[in-house]
């Protein structure tokens, strides 16, 4: 599972790279199985684990290496 750490600078490069639309801006609610869910982080960009397929494409575009495998 991929995880975005507190080192994230909210540049949003990973949002465009994610093929599964599993990455959201800080404070942005997300939709899972047709249900709207509260943002997982109000501080930085975040990955919804249930939507991530661990393709790791976000790792290559992260400017500050804030994305890690958990």
Protein backbone atom coordinates (compact mmCIF):
# COMPACT_ATOMS: atom_id res chain seq x y z
CA UNK A 1 0.00 0.00 0.00
CA UNK A 2 1.28 3.45 -0.90
CA UNK A 3 1.19 6.29 1.64
CA UNK A 4 1.95 10.02 1.44
CA UNK A 5 3.96 11.33 4.38
CA UNK A 6 3.89 14.71 6.10
CA UNK A 7 6.85 15.78 3.93
CA UNK A 8 4.35 16.32 1.08
CA UNK A 9 4.45 19.86 -0.35
CA UNK A 10 1.03 19.51 -2.05
CA UNK A 11 2.45 20.01 -5.55
CA UNK A 12 -0.23 17.63 -6.93
CA UNK A 13 2.12 15.98 -9.46
CA UNK A 14 0.99 12.56 -8.25
CA UNK A 15 -2.71 13.32 -8.84
CA UNK A 16 -2.22 13.50 -12.61
CA UNK A 17 -0.02 10.39 -12.59
CA UNK A 18 -2.46 8.11 -10.71
CA UNK A 19 -4.25 5.81 -13.15
CA UNK A 20 -6.82 4.78 -10.53
CA UNK A 21 -7.78 8.25 -9.29
CA UNK A 22 -6.75 7.13 -5.81
CA UNK A 23 -4.96 10.36 -4.88
CA UNK A 24 -6.77 13.45 -3.61
CA UNK A 25 -5.88 16.98 -2.57
CA UNK A 26 -5.75 17.85 1.13
CA UNK A 27 -9.23 18.38 2.53
CA UNK A 28 -10.93 17.01 -0.60
CA UNK A 29 -13.64 14.41 0.03
CA UNK A 30 -13.52 11.23 -2.05
CA UNK A 31 -16.04 8.70 -3.39
CA UNK A 32 -15.81 5.00 -2.61
CA UNK A 33 -18.42 2.53 -3.87
CA UNK A 34 -20.75 5.40 -4.69
CA UNK A 35 -20.52 6.90 -1.20
CA UNK A 36 -18.96 10.26 -0.42
CA UNK A 37 -16.31 9.97 2.28
CA UNK A 38 -14.56 12.59 4.40
CA UNK A 39 -11.00 13.51 3.42
CA UNK A 40 -8.31 11.31 4.98
CA UNK A 41 -6.05 14.33 5.46
CA UNK A 42 -6.61 18.06 5.75
CA UNK A 43 -2.85 18.72 5.83
CA UNK A 44 -1.49 17.13 2.65
CA UNK A 45 -2.34 15.18 -0.48
CA UNK A 46 -3.44 11.64 0.38
CA UNK A 47 -3.97 8.20 -1.16
CA UNK A 48 -7.19 6.22 -0.61
CA UNK A 49 -5.89 2.68 0.11
CA UNK A 50 -9.00 0.96 -1.26
CA UNK A 51 -8.53 2.66 -4.64
CA UNK A 52 -4.75 2.20 -4.94
CA UNK A 53 -3.45 -0.81 -6.88
CA UNK A 54 0.18 -0.28 -5.81
CA UNK A 55 1.34 0.50 -9.35
CA UNK A 56 3.89 2.93 -7.83
CA UNK A 57 3.66 5.40 -10.74
CA UNK A 58 3.30 8.19 -8.17
CA UNK A 59 6.75 7.45 -6.73
CA UNK A 60 8.56 8.63 -9.86
CA UNK A 61 6.87 12.05 -9.94
CA UNK A 62 7.05 12.98 -6.27
CA UNK A 63 9.38 15.99 -6.00
CA UNK A 64 10.23 15.42 -2.33
CA UNK A 65 10.05 11.60 -2.00
CA UNK A 66 7.02 11.92 0.27
CA UNK A 67 5.36 8.76 -1.08
CA UNK A 68 6.35 5.51 0.59
CA UNK A 69 5.24 1.91 0.56
CA UNK A 70 3.60 0.98 3.83
